Amino acid sequence: MLPPGATEVVLVRHGSSEPAVAGRRFPLLDGRGDPALAPEGELQAALVAERLAAAHLAGLFITPLKRTAQTAAPLAARLGLEPVVVPDLIEVFLGDWDGGEFRVRLSEGDPIALQAIEEERWEVIPGAEPMASFALRVRAGIDAVLAAAGPDATVAAIVHGGVIGEVCRQAADSRPFAFVHSDNGSLTRLVVLPGGRWLLRSFNDTAHLASA
């Protein structure tokens, strides 16, 4: 049970999206790649809905990118909730390498992509969002969710791997990339106490995905 006056935010990483292919960028929205869910991502979304159906959610939040809306759709339909878009929780901007290019370069062993992982700094990527700006934006996004949720409530936010990693970094005061590896469809639980303190209750819970 939550401590009195606390709010729990269940951070759900969106389902698996379409694969990145060399030489073919995803459609962009505000500079970010905006692929749709892959078939396995649609299955993950259904399993998330099954897992959270009895969670007594007081609200459901998504980002402007379609993969979060598509992941939220089965849960929204099941609970009768209208997802609220929180622009500040959109994925980290990867500059010249957004739209799937970073994924392709990382898989090919591009030295700058590997440097970004080794140094745990997004801004190593040409034109990428600075870490400090990303941190402030994510904090503002969570604050917006908390303001909408109110105390003594549990809500879900369908977001992105980089965002989950940054939320966990702030909650745990960890290395920058210590939590960027959450799985598609996983659940990470953040509890915010009445005084504003963040507690990381769980990370990367995938028990509901076993059947997939």
Protein backbone atom coordinates (compact mmCIF):
# COMPACT_ATOMS: atom_id res chain seq x y z
CA MET A 1 0.00 0.00 0.00
CA LEU A 2 1.11 3.56 -0.68
CA PRO A 3 2.10 5.77 2.25
CA PRO A 4 -0.64 8.34 2.97
CA GLY A 5 -0.52 11.21 0.51
CA ALA A 6 1.88 9.47 -1.88
CA THR A 7 1.43 8.99 -5.63
CA GLU A 8 2.60 5.98 -7.62
CA VAL A 9 3.52 6.33 -11.29
CA VAL A 10 3.75 3.04 -13.17
CA LEU A 11 6.16 3.72 -16.03
CA VAL A 12 5.49 1.37 -18.93
CA ARG A 13 7.96 1.16 -21.77
CA HIS A 14 6.07 1.08 -25.05
CA GLY A 15 5.89 -2.16 -27.00
CA SER A 16 8.48 -3.15 -29.60
CA SER A 17 8.36 -0.86 -32.61
CA GLU A 18 9.13 -1.42 -36.26
CA PRO A 19 12.75 -2.41 -36.89
CA ALA A 20 15.26 0.22 -37.97
CA VAL A 21 16.65 -0.37 -41.45
CA ALA A 22 19.84 1.17 -42.82
CA GLY A 23 19.13 3.88 -45.38
CA ARG A 24 15.47 4.28 -44.43
CA ARG A 25 14.47 6.75 -41.71
CA PHE A 26 11.29 6.46 -39.73
CA PRO A 27 8.71 9.24 -40.16
CA LEU A 28 9.57 12.12 -37.83
CA LEU A 29 7.46 14.01 -35.30
CA ASP A 30 9.15 17.08 -33.82
CA GLY A 31 12.43 15.60 -35.04
CA ARG A 32 11.93 12.27 -33.29
CA GLY A 33 11.47 8.95 -35.05
CA ASP A 34 7.82 7.94 -34.95
CA PRO A 35 7.55 4.26 -35.94
CA ALA A 36 4.45 2.21 -35.26
CA LEU A 37 4.37 -0.90 -33.10
CA ALA A 38 5.58 -4.14 -34.58
CA PRO A 39 3.31 -7.22 -34.23
CA GLU A 40 5.22 -8.30 -31.13
CA GLY A 41 4.71 -4.82 -29.70
CA GLU A 42 0.96 -5.16 -30.15
CA LEU A 43 1.09 -8.43 -28.21
CA GLN A 44 3.10 -6.77 -25.46
CA ALA A 45 0.51 -3.97 -25.28
CA ALA A 46 -2.26 -6.54 -24.79
CA LEU A 47 -0.28 -8.23 -22.01
CA VAL A 48 0.34 -4.88 -20.30
CA ALA A 49 -3.41 -4.26 -20.35
CA GLU A 50 -4.03 -7.67 -18.80
CA ARG A 51 -1.44 -7.00 -16.08
CA LEU A 52 -2.73 -3.54 -15.14
CA ALA A 53 -6.46 -4.19 -15.55
CA ALA A 54 -6.93 -4.57 -11.79
CA ALA A 55 -4.48 -1.86 -10.72
CA HIS A 56 -7.21 0.74 -9.99
CA LEU A 57 -5.47 3.32 -12.16
CA ALA A 58 -6.68 6.88 -11.72
CA GLY A 59 -5.14 8.12 -14.95
CA LEU A 60 -3.25 7.14 -18.09
CA PHE A 61 -0.55 9.26 -19.74
CA ILE A 62 1.29 8.96 -23.06
CA THR A 63 3.75 10.96 -25.17
CA PRO A 64 3.15 12.50 -28.61
CA LEU A 65 4.75 9.50 -30.37
CA LYS A 66 2.39 6.90 -31.81
CA ARG A 67 4.09 3.87 -30.27
CA THR A 68 3.01 5.04 -26.80
CA ALA A 69 -0.57 5.70 -27.91
CA GLN A 70 -0.76 2.28 -29.56
CA THR A 71 0.65 0.60 -26.44
CA ALA A 72 -1.86 2.42 -24.24
CA ALA A 73 -4.88 1.65 -26.44
CA PRO A 74 -5.79 -1.82 -25.07
CA LEU A 75 -5.46 -0.61 -21.47
CA ALA A 76 -7.44 2.58 -22.16
CA ALA A 77 -10.24 0.57 -23.75
CA ARG A 78 -10.34 -1.90 -20.92
CA LEU A 79 -10.45 0.74 -18.16
CA GLY A 80 -12.42 3.42 -19.97
CA LEU A 81 -9.61 5.96 -19.54
CA GLU A 82 -8.71 8.71 -22.00
CA PRO A 83 -4.91 8.93 -22.36
CA VAL A 84 -3.44 12.37 -21.63
CA VAL A 85 -0.49 13.48 -23.74
CA VAL A 86 2.52 14.82 -21.80
CA PRO A 87 4.91 16.40 -24.35
CA ASP A 88 7.80 16.68 -21.87
CA LEU A 89 7.98 12.88 -21.60
CA ILE A 90 8.81 12.40 -25.29
CA GLU A 91 11.97 10.38 -25.96
CA VAL A 92 15.44 11.96 -25.84
CA PHE A 93 16.25 13.78 -29.09
CA LEU A 94 19.10 12.04 -30.91
CA GLY A 95 19.87 14.89 -33.29
CA ASP A 96 21.22 13.87 -36.68
CA TRP A 97 20.82 10.22 -35.73
CA ASP A 98 17.16 10.20 -34.79
CA GLY A 99 14.60 8.30 -36.86
CA GLY A 100 16.32 4.94 -36.33
CA GLU A 101 19.83 5.97 -37.39
CA PHE A 102 21.29 5.56 -33.90
CA ARG A 103 19.94 2.02 -33.64
CA VAL A 104 21.47 1.13 -37.00
CA ARG A 105 24.83 2.69 -36.19
CA LEU A 106 24.98 1.04 -32.78
CA SER A 107 24.29 -2.38 -34.30
CA GLU A 108 27.08 -1.76 -36.82
CA GLY A 109 29.59 -0.75 -34.14
CA ASP A 110 29.89 2.90 -35.15
CA PRO A 111 32.67 4.37 -32.94
CA ILE A 112 30.67 7.50 -31.99
CA ALA A 113 27.64 5.39 -31.07
CA LEU A 114 29.86 3.20 -28.90
CA GLN A 115 31.43 6.33 -27.38
CA ALA A 116 27.98 7.57 -26.35
CA ILE A 117 27.34 4.30 -24.52
CA GLU A 118 30.81 4.17 -22.98
CA GLU A 119 30.73 7.79 -21.76
CA GLU A 120 27.00 7.66 -20.93
CA ARG A 121 26.31 10.96 -22.68
CA TRP A 122 23.63 11.45 -25.35
CA GLU A 123 25.21 14.68 -26.59
CA VAL A 124 28.16 12.73 -28.03
CA ILE A 125 25.73 12.09 -30.92
CA PRO A 126 25.78 15.00 -33.41
CA GLY A 127 23.02 17.47 -32.57
CA ALA A 128 21.59 15.36 -29.72
CA GLU A 129 19.77 16.79 -26.72
CA PRO A 130 22.11 17.81 -23.87
CA MET A 131 21.86 15.63 -20.78
CA ALA A 132 21.07 18.56 -18.49
CA SER A 133 18.20 19.76 -20.69
CA PHE A 134 16.82 16.24 -20.97
CA ALA A 135 16.91 15.84 -17.19
CA LEU A 136 15.00 19.07 -16.60
CA ARG A 137 12.42 18.19 -19.24
CA VAL A 138 11.78 14.71 -17.85
CA ARG A 139 11.43 16.14 -14.34
CA ALA A 140 8.87 18.64 -15.64
CA GLY A 141 6.98 15.80 -17.34
CA ILE A 142 6.78 13.73 -14.16
CA ASP A 143 5.73 16.82 -12.22
CA ALA A 144 2.89 17.32 -14.71
CA VAL A 145 1.76 13.73 -14.22
CA LEU A 146 1.87 14.12 -10.43
CA ALA A 147 -0.13 17.35 -10.57
CA ALA A 148 -2.81 15.68 -12.68
CA ALA A 149 -2.87 12.52 -10.55
CA GLY A 150 -2.99 14.09 -7.10
CA PRO A 151 -2.16 12.29 -3.84
CA ASP A 152 -3.25 8.78 -2.85
CA ALA A 153 -3.46 7.66 -6.48
CA THR A 154 -1.78 5.24 -8.87
CA VAL A 155 -1.44 6.20 -12.53
CA ALA A 156 0.32 4.73 -15.54
CA ALA A 157 2.54 6.55 -18.04
CA ILE A 158 3.45 4.85 -21.31
CA VAL A 159 6.86 6.28 -22.16
CA HIS A 160 10.26 5.50 -23.67
CA GLY A 161 13.41 3.69 -22.62
CA GLY A 162 15.53 6.84 -22.37
CA VAL A 163 12.87 8.56 -20.28
CA ILE A 164 12.55 5.61 -17.90
CA GLY A 165 16.33 5.55 -17.56
CA GLU A 166 16.40 9.25 -16.68
CA VAL A 167 13.55 8.97 -14.15
CA CYS A 168 15.34 6.10 -12.43
CA ARG A 169 18.65 7.98 -12.51
CA GLN A 170 17.05 10.89 -10.70
CA ALA A 171 15.27 8.66 -8.20
CA ALA A 172 18.37 6.61 -7.39
CA ASP A 173 21.06 9.26 -8.02
CA SER A 174 22.81 6.70 -10.22
CA ARG A 175 25.17 6.75 -13.18
CA PRO A 176 23.52 8.34 -16.25
CA PHE A 177 22.85 5.11 -18.16
CA ALA A 178 22.44 2.69 -15.26
CA PHE A 179 18.73 2.19 -16.06
CA VAL A 180 18.43 2.75 -19.82
CA HIS A 181 18.01 -0.96 -20.60
CA SER A 182 14.34 -1.50 -19.69
CA ASP A 183 12.54 -4.02 -21.90
CA ASN A 184 9.66 -3.21 -24.20
CA GLY A 185 6.39 -3.65 -22.31
CA SER A 186 8.11 -3.66 -18.92
CA LEU A 187 6.83 -1.93 -15.77
CA THR A 188 8.88 0.38 -13.55
CA ARG A 189 7.24 1.83 -10.44
CA LEU A 190 8.03 5.26 -9.03
CA VAL A 191 6.53 6.35 -5.69
CA VAL A 192 6.57 10.06 -4.87
CA LEU A 193 6.06 10.93 -1.21
CA PRO A 194 4.08 13.98 -0.05
CA GLY A 195 7.30 15.92 0.59
CA GLY A 196 8.44 15.31 -2.98
CA ARG A 197 10.97 12.53 -2.38
CA TRP A 198 11.20 9.97 -5.17
CA LEU A 199 11.43 6.25 -4.36
CA LEU A 200 12.18 3.64 -7.02
CA ARG A 201 9.89 0.76 -6.03
CA SER A 202 10.72 -1.60 -8.89
CA PHE A 203 12.49 -1.63 -12.27
CA ASN A 204 11.94 -3.57 -15.49
CA ASP A 205 9.21 -5.94 -14.25
CA THR A 206 8.44 -8.28 -17.17
CA ALA A 207 6.57 -11.10 -15.39
CA HIS A 208 3.43 -10.46 -17.48
CA LEU A 209 5.40 -10.92 -20.72
CA ALA A 210 6.44 -14.53 -20.02
CA SER A 211 3.72 -15.96 -22.24
CA ALA A 212 5.07 -13.95 -25.18
